[in-house]
Amino acid sequence: MIKKTIIGLLAGLISGLFSSGGGMILVPAFVYILKLDEGKARVNSVFCILPMVITSAFFFYKNNYINWKIGMLCAIGGIVGGFIGAKILNKIPDKYLKLFFLFFLIYSAIRMII
């Protein structure tokens, strides 16, 4: 119980500070600390992220940080992409998902530095 709460606290903190990243904490924590298999770790991560995003969005809304036009258009794309991603998740071996995620993180890190 304590491990799960601490994992959620860290993921929420990262999500709130950087407006993303909860899954980067949750998935590895679920796999290595809670010993979930990777597929279930990803699925549970998505479920846990929803309340974190709603909470962060409330504070971003209160501070008038949300551009509603951009947000709604991206949300529509996110719904479609989330549906497609959820459908193909179990069809892609974990090894390839890890590699894709690794390359995505490296690319993002390089872009942030440059």
Protein backbone atom coordinates (compact mmCIF):
# COMPACT_ATOMS: atom_id res chain seq x y z
CA MET A 1 0.00 0.00 0.00
CA ILE A 2 2.76 2.46 0.90
CA LYS A 3 4.80 1.63 -2.22
CA LYS A 4 1.77 2.21 -4.43
CA THR A 5 0.99 5.53 -2.78
CA ILE A 6 4.59 6.73 -3.10
CA ILE A 7 4.67 5.69 -6.78
CA GLY A 8 1.47 7.67 -7.37
CA LEU A 9 2.81 10.67 -5.47
CA LEU A 10 6.01 10.77 -7.54
CA ALA A 11 4.13 10.31 -10.81
CA GLY A 12 1.66 13.05 -9.88
CA LEU A 13 4.47 15.39 -8.89
CA ILE A 14 6.29 14.84 -12.19
CA SER A 15 3.02 15.21 -14.11
CA GLY A 16 2.15 18.43 -12.32
CA LEU A 17 5.61 19.96 -12.68
CA PHE A 18 6.22 19.11 -16.31
CA SER A 19 2.64 18.70 -17.59
CA SER A 20 3.52 15.15 -18.60
CA GLY A 21 5.70 12.27 -17.62
CA GLY A 22 3.50 10.37 -15.19
CA GLY A 23 3.78 7.26 -17.33
CA MET A 24 7.56 7.52 -17.35
CA ILE A 25 7.45 7.00 -13.60
CA LEU A 26 4.48 4.64 -13.40
CA VAL A 27 5.40 2.01 -15.99
CA PRO A 28 8.92 1.28 -14.70
CA ALA A 29 7.67 1.40 -11.10
CA PHE A 30 4.85 -1.05 -11.88
CA VAL A 31 7.27 -3.41 -13.65
CA TYR A 32 10.28 -3.28 -11.32
CA ILE A 33 8.75 -2.49 -7.93
CA LEU A 34 5.26 -3.97 -8.13
CA LYS A 35 6.30 -6.81 -10.49
CA LEU A 36 3.48 -6.33 -13.03
CA ASP A 37 4.07 -7.59 -16.55
CA GLU A 38 4.75 -4.80 -19.03
CA GLY A 39 1.39 -4.90 -20.79
CA LYS A 40 -0.53 -4.56 -17.53
CA ALA A 41 1.91 -1.88 -16.36
CA ARG A 42 1.16 0.26 -19.41
CA VAL A 43 -2.60 -0.24 -19.09
CA ASN A 44 -2.62 0.61 -15.38
CA SER A 45 -0.43 3.63 -16.07
CA VAL A 46 -2.99 5.02 -18.49
CA PHE A 47 -5.72 4.49 -15.92
CA CYS A 48 -3.71 6.26 -13.20
CA ILE A 49 -2.79 9.18 -15.40
CA LEU A 50 -6.40 10.29 -15.93
CA PRO A 51 -6.94 11.63 -12.38
CA MET A 52 -3.51 13.26 -12.41
CA VAL A 53 -4.27 15.02 -15.68
CA ILE A 54 -7.68 16.19 -14.48
CA THR A 55 -6.15 17.60 -11.29
CA SER A 56 -3.33 19.38 -13.14
CA ALA A 57 -5.74 20.69 -15.79
CA PHE A 58 -7.91 22.25 -13.07
CA PHE A 59 -4.99 24.31 -11.80
CA PHE A 60 -3.83 25.20 -15.31
CA TYR A 61 -7.39 26.34 -16.07
CA LYS A 62 -7.55 28.47 -12.92
CA ASN A 63 -4.33 30.22 -13.97
CA ASN A 64 -5.66 30.73 -17.51
CA TYR A 65 -2.91 28.68 -19.18
CA ILE A 66 -5.18 26.65 -21.46
CA ASN A 67 -5.55 27.51 -25.14
CA TRP A 68 -8.94 25.90 -25.73
CA LYS A 69 -8.74 25.74 -29.53
CA ILE A 70 -5.39 23.96 -29.53
CA GLY A 71 -6.39 21.80 -26.56
CA MET A 72 -9.66 20.61 -28.09
CA LEU A 73 -8.13 19.85 -31.49
CA CYS A 74 -5.29 17.91 -29.88
CA ALA A 75 -7.77 16.12 -27.62
CA ILE A 76 -9.70 14.88 -30.66
CA GLY A 77 -6.47 13.56 -32.16
CA GLY A 78 -5.52 12.09 -28.78
CA ILE A 79 -8.83 10.22 -28.53
CA VAL A 80 -8.38 8.71 -31.99
CA GLY A 81 -4.69 7.93 -31.35
CA GLY A 82 -5.45 6.46 -27.93
CA PHE A 83 -8.09 4.19 -29.45
CA ILE A 84 -5.71 2.98 -32.16
CA GLY A 85 -2.83 2.57 -29.70
CA ALA A 86 -4.98 0.56 -27.29
CA LYS A 87 -6.07 -1.73 -30.12
CA ILE A 88 -2.52 -2.49 -31.30
CA LEU A 89 -0.80 -2.57 -27.88
CA ASN A 90 -1.00 -6.34 -27.49
CA LYS A 91 0.04 -6.96 -31.09
CA ILE A 92 3.49 -5.38 -30.74
CA PRO A 93 6.11 -7.32 -28.77
CA ASP A 94 7.40 -5.62 -25.60
CA LYS A 95 10.91 -5.58 -27.01
CA TYR A 96 9.87 -3.30 -29.89
CA LEU A 97 7.76 -1.07 -27.64
CA LYS A 98 10.77 -0.58 -25.34
CA LEU A 99 13.01 0.31 -28.29
CA PHE A 100 10.47 2.74 -29.74
CA PHE A 101 10.04 4.40 -26.35
CA LEU A 102 13.81 4.59 -25.86
CA PHE A 103 14.30 6.30 -29.24
CA PHE A 104 11.41 8.64 -28.48
CA LEU A 105 12.97 9.65 -25.15
CA ILE A 106 16.40 10.16 -26.68
CA TYR A 107 14.96 12.24 -29.52
CA SER A 108 12.90 14.33 -27.07
CA ALA A 109 15.89 14.87 -24.80
CA ILE A 110 18.06 16.02 -27.70
CA ARG A 111 15.33 18.39 -28.92
CA MET A 112 14.99 19.88 -25.45
CA ILE A 113 18.74 20.45 -25.18
CA ILE A 114 19.02 22.02 -28.65
